[in-house]
Amino acid sequence: LSGIFEGKTTGMPIGFIVHNTNQNSKDYGHLKDLYRP
């Protein structure tokens, strides 16, 4: 997102992000009120 220009660092913060695309959150609904060992 930031901090790199034309293949080199600018000295500014290097921001980056990776999107989650394959979550199966429904698989974890039964854990809402449980504590996994």
PDB file of all heavy atoms in Angstrom:
ATOM      1  N   LEU A   1       0.803  -1.223   0.000  1.00  0.00           N
ATOM      2  CA  LEU A   1       0.000   0.000   0.000  1.00  0.00           C
ATOM      3  C   LEU A   1       0.834   1.269   0.000  1.00  0.00           C
ATOM      4  O   LEU A   1       0.371   2.321  -0.461  1.00  0.00           O
ATOM      5  CB  LEU A   1      -0.927   0.005   1.219  1.00  0.00           C
ATOM      6  CG  LEU A   1      -1.864  -1.199   1.381  1.00  0.00           C
ATOM      7  CD1 LEU A   1      -2.629  -1.090   2.681  1.00  0.00           C
ATOM      8  CD2 LEU A   1      -2.813  -1.301   0.201  1.00  0.00           C
ATOM      9  N   SER A   2       2.042   1.198   0.545  1.00  0.00           N
ATOM     10  CA  SER A   2       2.844   2.418   0.677  1.00  0.00           C
ATOM     11  C   SER A   2       4.292   2.066   0.948  1.00  0.00           C
ATOM     12  O   SER A   2       4.625   0.921   1.250  1.00  0.00           O
ATOM     13  CB  SER A   2       2.309   3.284   1.828  1.00  0.00           C
ATOM     14  OG  SER A   2       2.422   2.586   3.067  1.00  0.00           O
ATOM     15  N   GLY A   3       5.161   3.077   0.845  1.00  0.00           N
ATOM     16  CA  GLY A   3       6.545   2.932   1.269  1.00  0.00           C
ATOM     17  C   GLY A   3       7.511   2.389   0.238  1.00  0.00           C
ATOM     18  O   GLY A   3       8.714   2.332   0.487  1.00  0.00           O
ATOM     19  N   ILE A   4       7.005   1.980  -0.937  1.00  0.00           N
ATOM     20  CA  ILE A   4       7.874   1.475  -2.003  1.00  0.00           C
ATOM     21  C   ILE A   4       7.491   2.181  -3.301  1.00  0.00           C
ATOM     22  O   ILE A   4       6.317   2.211  -3.680  1.00  0.00           O
ATOM     23  CB  ILE A   4       7.754  -0.053  -2.168  1.00  0.00           C
ATOM     24  CG1 ILE A   4       8.150  -0.771  -0.874  1.00  0.00           C
ATOM     25  CG2 ILE A   4       8.633  -0.535  -3.321  1.00  0.00           C
ATOM     26  CD1 ILE A   4       7.984  -2.275  -0.930  1.00  0.00           C
ATOM     27  N   PHE A   5       8.479   2.752  -3.975  1.00  0.00           N
ATOM     28  CA  PHE A   5       8.240   3.465  -5.232  1.00  0.00           C
ATOM     29  C   PHE A   5       9.324   3.086  -6.223  1.00  0.00           C
ATOM     30  O   PHE A   5      10.515   3.163  -5.916  1.00  0.00           O
ATOM     31  CB  PHE A   5       8.242   4.980  -4.993  1.00  0.00           C
ATOM     32  CG  PHE A   5       7.988   5.788  -6.232  1.00  0.00           C
ATOM     33  CD1 PHE A   5       6.766   5.744  -6.879  1.00  0.00           C
ATOM     34  CD2 PHE A   5       8.998   6.587  -6.765  1.00  0.00           C
ATOM     35  CE1 PHE A   5       6.532   6.483  -8.024  1.00  0.00           C
ATOM     36  CE2 PHE A   5       8.777   7.340  -7.914  1.00  0.00           C
ATOM     37  CZ  PHE A   5       7.534   7.281  -8.554  1.00  0.00           C
ATOM     38  N   GLU A   6       8.894   2.623  -7.399  1.00  0.00           N
ATOM     39  CA  GLU A   6       9.815   2.204  -8.459  1.00  0.00           C
ATOM     40  C   GLU A   6      10.831   1.184  -7.953  1.00  0.00           C
ATOM     41  O   GLU A   6      12.013   1.231  -8.286  1.00  0.00           O
ATOM     42  CB  GLU A   6      10.512   3.422  -9.081  1.00  0.00           C
ATOM     43  CG  GLU A   6       9.543   4.355  -9.797  1.00  0.00           C
ATOM     44  CD  GLU A   6      10.232   5.519 -10.481  1.00  0.00           C
ATOM     45  OE1 GLU A   6      11.381   5.852 -10.085  1.00  0.00           O
ATOM     46  OE2 GLU A   6       9.637   6.106 -11.397  1.00  0.00           O
ATOM     47  N   GLY A   7      10.336   0.250  -7.127  1.00  0.00           N
ATOM     48  CA  GLY A   7      11.157  -0.866  -6.670  1.00  0.00           C
ATOM     49  C   GLY A   7      12.092  -0.578  -5.523  1.00  0.00           C
ATOM     50  O   GLY A   7      12.894  -1.436  -5.151  1.00  0.00           O
ATOM     51  N   LYS A   8      12.004   0.634  -4.946  1.00  0.00           N
ATOM     52  CA  LYS A   8      12.871   0.971  -3.826  1.00  0.00           C
ATOM     53  C   LYS A   8      12.068   1.571  -2.679  1.00  0.00           C
ATOM     54  O   LYS A   8      11.022   2.189  -2.891  1.00  0.00           O
ATOM     55  CB  LYS A   8      13.957   1.963  -4.265  1.00  0.00           C
ATOM     56  CG  LYS A   8      14.980   1.366  -5.220  1.00  0.00           C
ATOM     57  CD  LYS A   8      16.103   2.353  -5.500  1.00  0.00           C
ATOM     58  CE  LYS A   8      17.161   1.733  -6.411  1.00  0.00           C
ATOM     59  NZ  LYS A   8      18.286   2.678  -6.665  1.00  0.00           N
ATOM     60  N   THR A   9      12.590   1.390  -1.469  1.00  0.00           N
ATOM     61  CA  THR A   9      11.928   1.960  -0.303  1.00  0.00           C
ATOM     62  C   THR A   9      12.067   3.478  -0.316  1.00  0.00           C
ATOM     63  O   THR A   9      13.075   4.026  -0.781  1.00  0.00           O
ATOM     64  CB  THR A   9      12.527   1.409   0.998  1.00  0.00           C
ATOM     65  OG1 THR A   9      13.932   1.701   1.031  1.00  0.00           O
ATOM     66  CG2 THR A   9      12.328  -0.089   1.098  1.00  0.00           C
ATOM     67  N   THR A  10      11.052   4.146   0.212  1.00  0.00           N
ATOM     68  CA  THR A  10      11.060   5.613   0.243  1.00  0.00           C
ATOM     69  C   THR A  10      11.445   6.167   1.605  1.00  0.00           C
ATOM     70  O   THR A  10      11.592   7.382   1.756  1.00  0.00           O
ATOM     71  CB  THR A  10       9.661   6.150  -0.112  1.00  0.00           C
ATOM     72  OG1 THR A  10       8.718   5.726   0.893  1.00  0.00           O
ATOM     73  CG2 THR A  10       9.205   5.660  -1.477  1.00  0.00           C
ATOM     74  N   GLY A  11      11.585   5.285   2.594  1.00  0.00           N
ATOM     75  CA  GLY A  11      11.846   5.732   3.956  1.00  0.00           C
ATOM     76  C   GLY A  11      10.570   5.940   4.744  1.00  0.00           C
ATOM     77  O   GLY A  11      10.613   6.166   5.962  1.00  0.00           O
ATOM     78  N   MET A  12       9.440   5.859   4.061  1.00  0.00           N
ATOM     79  CA  MET A  12       8.142   5.977   4.715  1.00  0.00           C
ATOM     80  C   MET A  12       7.658   4.597   5.174  1.00  0.00           C
ATOM     81  O   MET A  12       8.191   3.571   4.752  1.00  0.00           O
ATOM     82  CB  MET A  12       7.119   6.588   3.741  1.00  0.00           C
ATOM     83  CG  MET A  12       7.475   7.985   3.241  1.00  0.00           C
ATOM     84  SD  MET A  12       7.578   9.203   4.565  1.00  0.00           S
ATOM     85  CE  MET A  12       9.374   9.433   4.665  1.00  0.00           C
ATOM     86  N   PRO A  13       6.640   4.545   6.034  1.00  0.00           N
ATOM     87  CA  PRO A  13       6.119   3.241   6.471  1.00  0.00           C
ATOM     88  C   PRO A  13       5.678   2.378   5.286  1.00  0.00           C
ATOM     89  O   PRO A  13       5.039   2.883   4.352  1.00  0.00           O
ATOM     90  CB  PRO A  13       4.923   3.614   7.347  1.00  0.00           C
ATOM     91  CG  PRO A  13       5.247   4.987   7.853  1.00  0.00           C
ATOM     92  CD  PRO A  13       5.967   5.666   6.729  1.00  0.00           C
ATOM     93  N   ILE A  14       6.042   1.114   5.327  1.00  0.00           N
ATOM     94  CA  ILE A  14       5.644   0.162   4.284  1.00  0.00           C
ATOM     95  C   ILE A  14       4.364  -0.520   4.757  1.00  0.00           C
ATOM     96  O   ILE A  14       4.386  -1.371   5.644  1.00  0.00           O
ATOM     97  CB  ILE A  14       6.745  -0.876   4.021  1.00  0.00           C
ATOM     98  CG1 ILE A  14       8.036  -0.181   3.582  1.00  0.00           C
ATOM     99  CG2 ILE A  14       6.294  -1.884   2.970  1.00  0.00           C
ATOM    100  CD1 ILE A  14       9.233  -1.116   3.476  1.00  0.00           C
ATOM    101  N   GLY A  15       3.255  -0.127   4.173  1.00  0.00           N
ATOM    102  CA  GLY A  15       1.969  -0.720   4.524  1.00  0.00           C
ATOM    103  C   GLY A  15       1.613  -1.824   3.550  1.00  0.00           C
ATOM    104  O   GLY A  15       1.894  -1.729   2.353  1.00  0.00           O
ATOM    105  N   PHE A  16       0.981  -2.887   4.047  1.00  0.00           N
ATOM    106  CA  PHE A  16       0.612  -4.007   3.180  1.00  0.00           C
ATOM    107  C   PHE A  16      -0.628  -4.705   3.728  1.00  0.00           C
ATOM    108  O   PHE A  16      -0.953  -4.600   4.911  1.00  0.00           O
ATOM    109  CB  PHE A  16       1.769  -5.009   3.059  1.00  0.00           C
ATOM    110  CG  PHE A  16       2.223  -5.601   4.368  1.00  0.00           C
ATOM    111  CD1 PHE A  16       1.668  -6.772   4.860  1.00  0.00           C
ATOM    112  CD2 PHE A  16       3.210  -4.970   5.120  1.00  0.00           C
ATOM    113  CE1 PHE A  16       2.084  -7.317   6.065  1.00  0.00           C
ATOM    114  CE2 PHE A  16       3.634  -5.499   6.339  1.00  0.00           C
ATOM    115  CZ  PHE A  16       3.067  -6.679   6.807  1.00  0.00           C
ATOM    116  N   ILE A  17      -1.304  -5.437   2.856  1.00  0.00           N
ATOM    117  CA  ILE A  17      -2.536  -6.119   3.235  1.00  0.00           C
ATOM    118  C   ILE A  17      -2.673  -7.411   2.442  1.00  0.00           C
ATOM    119  O   ILE A  17      -2.231  -7.497   1.291  1.00  0.00           O
ATOM    120  CB  ILE A  17      -3.762  -5.200   3.006  1.00  0.00           C
ATOM    121  CG1 ILE A  17      -5.018  -5.779   3.676  1.00  0.00           C
ATOM    122  CG2 ILE A  17      -3.989  -4.946   1.528  1.00  0.00           C
ATOM    123  CD1 ILE A  17      -6.181  -4.805   3.691  1.00  0.00           C
ATOM    124  N   VAL A  18      -3.249  -8.426   3.064  1.00  0.00           N
ATOM    125  CA  VAL A  18      -3.564  -9.700   2.418  1.00  0.00           C
ATOM    126  C   VAL A  18      -5.016 -10.020   2.757  1.00  0.00           C
ATOM    127  O   VAL A  18      -5.366 -10.169   3.930  1.00  0.00           O
ATOM    128  CB  VAL A  18      -2.641 -10.840   2.904  1.00  0.00           C
ATOM    129  CG1 VAL A  18      -3.119 -12.178   2.342  1.00  0.00           C
ATOM    130  CG2 VAL A  18      -1.195 -10.577   2.504  1.00  0.00           C
ATOM    131  N   HIS A  19      -5.857 -10.128   1.758  1.00  0.00           N
ATOM    132  CA  HIS A  19      -7.277 -10.374   1.995  1.00  0.00           C
ATOM    133  C   HIS A  19      -7.550 -11.851   2.262  1.00  0.00           C
ATOM    134  O   HIS A  19      -6.963 -12.730   1.628  1.00  0.00           O
ATOM    135  CB  HIS A  19      -8.102  -9.905   0.797  1.00  0.00           C
ATOM    136  CG  HIS A  19      -8.188  -8.410   0.674  1.00  0.00           C
ATOM    137  ND1 HIS A  19      -9.125  -7.661   1.343  1.00  0.00           N
ATOM    138  CD2 HIS A  19      -7.429  -7.538  -0.025  1.00  0.00           C
ATOM    139  CE1 HIS A  19      -8.955  -6.383   1.065  1.00  0.00           C
ATOM    140  NE2 HIS A  19      -7.923  -6.271   0.231  1.00  0.00           N
ATOM    141  N   ASN A  20      -8.434 -12.106   3.224  1.00  0.00           N
ATOM    142  CA  ASN A  20      -8.935 -13.458   3.451  1.00  0.00           C
ATOM    143  C   ASN A  20     -10.032 -13.735   2.428  1.00  0.00           C
ATOM    144  O   ASN A  20     -10.926 -12.911   2.232  1.00  0.00           O
ATOM    145  CB  ASN A  20      -9.515 -13.587   4.856  1.00  0.00           C
ATOM    146  CG  ASN A  20      -8.459 -13.449   5.932  1.00  0.00           C
ATOM    147  OD1 ASN A  20      -7.332 -13.907   5.772  1.00  0.00           O
ATOM    148  ND2 ASN A  20      -8.819 -12.824   7.042  1.00  0.00           N
ATOM    149  N   THR A  21      -9.958 -14.884   1.763  1.00  0.00           N
ATOM    150  CA  THR A  21     -10.930 -15.180   0.698  1.00  0.00           C
ATOM    151  C   THR A  21     -11.641 -16.514   0.875  1.00  0.00           C
ATOM    152  O   THR A  21     -12.584 -16.804   0.153  1.00  0.00           O
ATOM    153  CB  THR A  21     -10.225 -15.193  -0.666  1.00  0.00           C
ATOM    154  OG1 THR A  21      -9.225 -16.225  -0.686  1.00  0.00           O
ATOM    155  CG2 THR A  21      -9.557 -13.844  -0.960  1.00  0.00           C
ATOM    156  N   ASN A  22     -11.201 -17.335   1.832  1.00  0.00           N
ATOM    157  CA  ASN A  22     -11.744 -18.688   1.924  1.00  0.00           C
ATOM    158  C   ASN A  22     -12.117 -19.062   3.354  1.00  0.00           C
ATOM    159  O   ASN A  22     -11.849 -20.149   3.832  1.00  0.00           O
ATOM    160  CB  ASN A  22     -10.732 -19.693   1.350  1.00  0.00           C
ATOM    161  CG  ASN A  22     -11.320 -21.080   1.162  1.00  0.00           C
ATOM    162  OD1 ASN A  22     -10.720 -22.072   1.555  1.00  0.00           O
ATOM    163  ND2 ASN A  22     -12.499 -21.167   0.565  1.00  0.00           N
ATOM    164  N   GLN A  23     -12.754 -18.126   4.063  1.00  0.00           N
ATOM    165  CA  GLN A  23     -13.183 -18.400   5.423  1.00  0.00           C
ATOM    166  C   GLN A  23     -14.439 -19.288   5.422  1.00  0.00           C
ATOM    167  O   GLN A  23     -15.349 -19.054   4.630  1.00  0.00           O
ATOM    168  CB  GLN A  23     -13.515 -17.105   6.178  1.00  0.00           C
ATOM    169  CG  GLN A  23     -12.472 -16.020   6.076  1.00  0.00           C
ATOM    170  CD  GLN A  23     -12.797 -15.005   5.011  1.00  0.00           C
ATOM    171  OE1 GLN A  23     -13.082 -15.360   3.885  1.00  0.00           O
ATOM    172  NE2 GLN A  23     -12.761 -13.733   5.382  1.00  0.00           N
ATOM    173  N   ASN A  24     -14.463 -20.271   6.287  1.00  0.00           N
ATOM    174  CA  ASN A  24     -15.667 -21.075   6.530  1.00  0.00           C
ATOM    175  C   ASN A  24     -16.081 -20.865   7.980  1.00  0.00           C
ATOM    176  O   ASN A  24     -15.965 -21.755   8.823  1.00  0.00           O
ATOM    177  CB  ASN A  24     -15.403 -22.566   6.264  1.00  0.00           C
ATOM    178  CG  ASN A  24     -15.437 -22.884   4.777  1.00  0.00           C
ATOM    179  OD1 ASN A  24     -15.788 -22.051   3.959  1.00  0.00           O
ATOM    180  ND2 ASN A  24     -15.074 -24.107   4.437  1.00  0.00           N
ATOM    181  N   SER A  25     -16.547 -19.670   8.274  1.00  0.00           N
ATOM    182  CA  SER A  25     -16.836 -19.308   9.661  1.00  0.00           C
ATOM    183  C   SER A  25     -17.921 -20.173  10.285  1.00  0.00           C
ATOM    184  O   SER A  25     -17.949 -20.371  11.502  1.00  0.00           O
ATOM    185  CB  SER A  25     -17.235 -17.828   9.731  1.00  0.00           C
ATOM    186  OG  SER A  25     -16.185 -17.003   9.258  1.00  0.00           O
ATOM    187  N   LYS A  26     -18.817 -20.717   9.449  1.00  0.00           N
ATOM    188  CA  LYS A  26     -19.898 -21.552   9.985  1.00  0.00           C
ATOM    189  C   LYS A  26     -19.361 -22.802  10.679  1.00  0.00           C
ATOM    190  O   LYS A  26     -20.023 -23.368  11.551  1.00  0.00           O
ATOM    191  CB  LYS A  26     -20.853 -21.959   8.871  1.00  0.00           C
ATOM    192  CG  LYS A  26     -20.210 -22.728   7.728  1.00  0.00           C
ATOM    193  CD  LYS A  26     -21.223 -23.097   6.661  1.00  0.00           C
ATOM    194  CE  LYS A  26     -20.569 -23.740   5.445  1.00  0.00           C
ATOM    195  NZ  LYS A  26     -19.713 -24.892   5.729  1.00  0.00           N
ATOM    196  N   ASP A  27     -18.143 -23.231  10.303  1.00  0.00           N
ATOM    197  CA  ASP A  27     -17.554 -24.422  10.928  1.00  0.00           C
ATOM    198  C   ASP A  27     -17.238 -24.205  12.401  1.00  0.00           C
ATOM    199  O   ASP A  27     -16.967 -25.168  13.126  1.00  0.00           O
ATOM    200  CB  ASP A  27     -16.266 -24.823  10.203  1.00  0.00           C
ATOM    201  CG  ASP A  27     -16.530 -25.406   8.820  1.00  0.00           C
ATOM    202  OD1 ASP A  27     -17.687 -25.771   8.546  1.00  0.00           O
ATOM    203  OD2 ASP A  27     -15.576 -25.483   8.018  1.00  0.00           O
ATOM    204  N   TYR A  28     -17.254 -22.937  12.837  1.00  0.00           N
ATOM    205  CA  TYR A  28     -16.833 -22.629  14.196  1.00  0.00           C
ATOM    206  C   TYR A  28     -17.975 -22.156  15.096  1.00  0.00           C
ATOM    207  O   TYR A  28     -17.755 -21.807  16.247  1.00  0.00           O
ATOM    208  CB  TYR A  28     -15.728 -21.563  14.161  1.00  0.00           C
ATOM    209  CG  TYR A  28     -14.501 -22.025  13.416  1.00  0.00           C
ATOM    210  CD1 TYR A  28     -14.397 -21.847  12.040  1.00  0.00           C
ATOM    211  CD2 TYR A  28     -13.461 -22.685  14.076  1.00  0.00           C
ATOM    212  CE1 TYR A  28     -13.285 -22.293  11.341  1.00  0.00           C
ATOM    213  CE2 TYR A  28     -12.356 -23.131  13.396  1.00  0.00           C
ATOM    214  CZ  TYR A  28     -12.265 -22.928  12.024  1.00  0.00           C
ATOM    215  OH  TYR A  28     -11.167 -23.379  11.338  1.00  0.00           O
ATOM    216  N   GLY A  29     -19.207 -22.167  14.550  1.00  0.00           N
ATOM    217  CA  GLY A  29     -20.345 -21.699  15.335  1.00  0.00           C
ATOM    218  C   GLY A  29     -20.561 -22.480  16.611  1.00  0.00           C
ATOM    219  O   GLY A  29     -20.985 -21.922  17.636  1.00  0.00           O
ATOM    220  N   HIS A  30     -20.241 -23.774  16.584  1.00  0.00           N
ATOM    221  CA  HIS A  30     -20.458 -24.609  17.777  1.00  0.00           C
ATOM    222  C   HIS A  30     -19.461 -24.290  18.896  1.00  0.00           C
ATOM    223  O   HIS A  30     -19.615 -24.768  20.021  1.00  0.00           O
ATOM    224  CB  HIS A  30     -20.351 -26.082  17.410  1.00  0.00           C
ATOM    225  CG  HIS A  30     -18.972 -26.518  16.993  1.00  0.00           C
ATOM    226  ND1 HIS A  30     -18.334 -26.027  15.874  1.00  0.00           N
ATOM    227  CD2 HIS A  30     -18.099 -27.403  17.566  1.00  0.00           C
ATOM    228  CE1 HIS A  30     -17.138 -26.573  15.763  1.00  0.00           C
ATOM    229  NE2 HIS A  30     -16.970 -27.417  16.777  1.00  0.00           N
ATOM    230  N   LEU A  31     -18.450 -23.471  18.599  1.00  0.00           N
ATOM    231  CA  LEU A  31     -17.437 -23.133  19.602  1.00  0.00           C
ATOM    232  C   LEU A  31     -17.737 -21.825  20.333  1.00  0.00           C
ATOM    233  O   LEU A  31     -16.972 -21.419  21.203  1.00  0.00           O
ATOM    234  CB  LEU A  31     -16.061 -23.020  18.937  1.00  0.00           C
ATOM    235  CG  LEU A  31     -15.524 -24.278  18.250  1.00  0.00           C
ATOM    236  CD1 LEU A  31     -14.221 -23.969  17.546  1.00  0.00           C
ATOM    237  CD2 LEU A  31     -15.354 -25.416  19.256  1.00  0.00           C
ATOM    238  N   LYS A  32     -18.833 -21.191  19.984  1.00  0.00           N
ATOM    239  CA  LYS A  32     -19.138 -19.877  20.538  1.00  0.00           C
ATOM    240  C   LYS A  32     -19.113 -19.861  22.057  1.00  0.00           C
ATOM    241  O   LYS A  32     -18.622 -18.911  22.679  1.00  0.00           O
ATOM    242  CB  LYS A  32     -20.504 -19.415  20.043  1.00  0.00           C
ATOM    243  CG  LYS A  32     -20.903 -18.029  20.515  1.00  0.00           C
ATOM    244  CD  LYS A  32     -22.230 -17.614  19.919  1.00  0.00           C
ATOM    245  CE  LYS A  32     -22.609 -16.210  20.379  1.00  0.00           C
ATOM    246  NZ  LYS A  32     -23.907 -15.781  19.795  1.00  0.00           N
ATOM    247  N   ASP A  33     -19.623 -20.902  22.673  1.00  0.00           N
ATOM    248  CA  ASP A  33     -19.702 -20.940  24.139  1.00  0.00           C
ATOM    249  C   ASP A  33     -18.843 -22.049  24.736  1.00  0.00           C
ATOM    250  O   ASP A  33     -19.033 -22.429  25.897  1.00  0.00           O
ATOM    251  CB  ASP A  33     -21.158 -21.111  24.575  1.00  0.00           C
ATOM    252  CG  ASP A  33     -22.029 -19.946  24.151  1.00  0.00           C
ATOM    253  OD1 ASP A  33     -21.605 -18.797  24.374  1.00  0.00           O
ATOM    254  OD2 ASP A  33     -23.103 -20.179  23.580  1.00  0.00           O
ATOM    255  N   LEU A  34     -17.887 -22.574  23.945  1.00  0.00           N
ATOM    256  CA  LEU A  34     -17.029 -23.662  24.414  1.00  0.00           C
ATOM    257  C   LEU A  34     -15.574 -23.213  24.480  1.00  0.00           C
ATOM    258  O   LEU A  34     -15.166 -22.286  23.794  1.00  0.00           O
ATOM    259  CB  LEU A  34     -17.136 -24.869  23.477  1.00  0.00           C
ATOM    260  CG  LEU A  34     -18.520 -25.470  23.237  1.00  0.00           C
ATOM    261  CD1 LEU A  34     -18.400 -26.657  22.293  1.00  0.00           C
ATOM    262  CD2 LEU A  34     -19.159 -25.896  24.545  1.00  0.00           C
ATOM    263  N   TYR A  35     -14.795 -23.909  25.293  1.00  0.00           N
ATOM    264  CA  TYR A  35     -13.362 -23.650  25.391  1.00  0.00           C
ATOM    265  C   TYR A  35     -12.606 -24.869  24.880  1.00  0.00           C
ATOM    266  O   TYR A  35     -12.655 -25.945  25.485  1.00  0.00           O
ATOM    267  CB  TYR A  35     -12.961 -23.364  26.836  1.00  0.00           C
ATOM    268  CG  TYR A  35     -13.667 -22.182  27.458  1.00  0.00           C
ATOM    269  CD1 TYR A  35     -14.278 -22.289  28.710  1.00  0.00           C
ATOM    270  CD2 TYR A  35     -13.725 -20.965  26.795  1.00  0.00           C
ATOM    271  CE1 TYR A  35     -14.920 -21.208  29.287  1.00  0.00           C
ATOM    272  CE2 TYR A  35     -14.365 -19.870  27.364  1.00  0.00           C
ATOM    273  CZ  TYR A  35     -14.965 -20.002  28.608  1.00  0.00           C
ATOM    274  OH  TYR A  35     -15.607 -18.922  29.165  1.00  0.00           O
ATOM    275  N   ARG A  36     -11.900 -24.698  23.764  1.00  0.00           N
ATOM    276  CA  ARG A  36     -11.122 -25.815  23.222  1.00  0.00           C
ATOM    277  C   ARG A  36      -9.896 -26.079  24.095  1.00  0.00           C
ATOM    278  O   ARG A  36      -9.183 -25.137  24.466  1.00  0.00           O
ATOM    279  CB  ARG A  36     -10.661 -25.486  21.795  1.00  0.00           C
ATOM    280  CG  ARG A  36     -11.763 -25.515  20.766  1.00  0.00           C
ATOM    281  CD  ARG A  36     -11.322 -24.935  19.435  1.00  0.00           C
ATOM    282  NE  ARG A  36     -11.087 -23.492  19.534  1.00  0.00           N
ATOM    283  CZ  ARG A  36     -10.645 -22.745  18.531  1.00  0.00           C
ATOM    284  NH1 ARG A  36     -10.370 -23.299  17.358  1.00  0.00           N
ATOM    285  NH2 ARG A  36     -10.461 -21.445  18.688  1.00  0.00           N
ATOM    286  N   PRO A  37      -9.638 -27.338  24.421  1.00  0.00           N
ATOM    287  CA  PRO A  37      -8.480 -27.681  25.253  1.00  0.00           C
ATOM    288  C   PRO A  37      -7.165 -27.180  24.638  1.00  0.00           C
ATOM    289  O   PRO A  37      -6.938 -27.330  23.437  1.00  0.00           O
ATOM    290  CB  PRO A  37      -8.509 -29.217  25.308  1.00  0.00           C
ATOM    291  CG  PRO A  37      -9.947 -29.556  25.096  1.00  0.00           C
ATOM    292  CD  PRO A  37     -10.461 -28.532  24.119  1.00  0.00           C
TER     293      PRO A  37
END
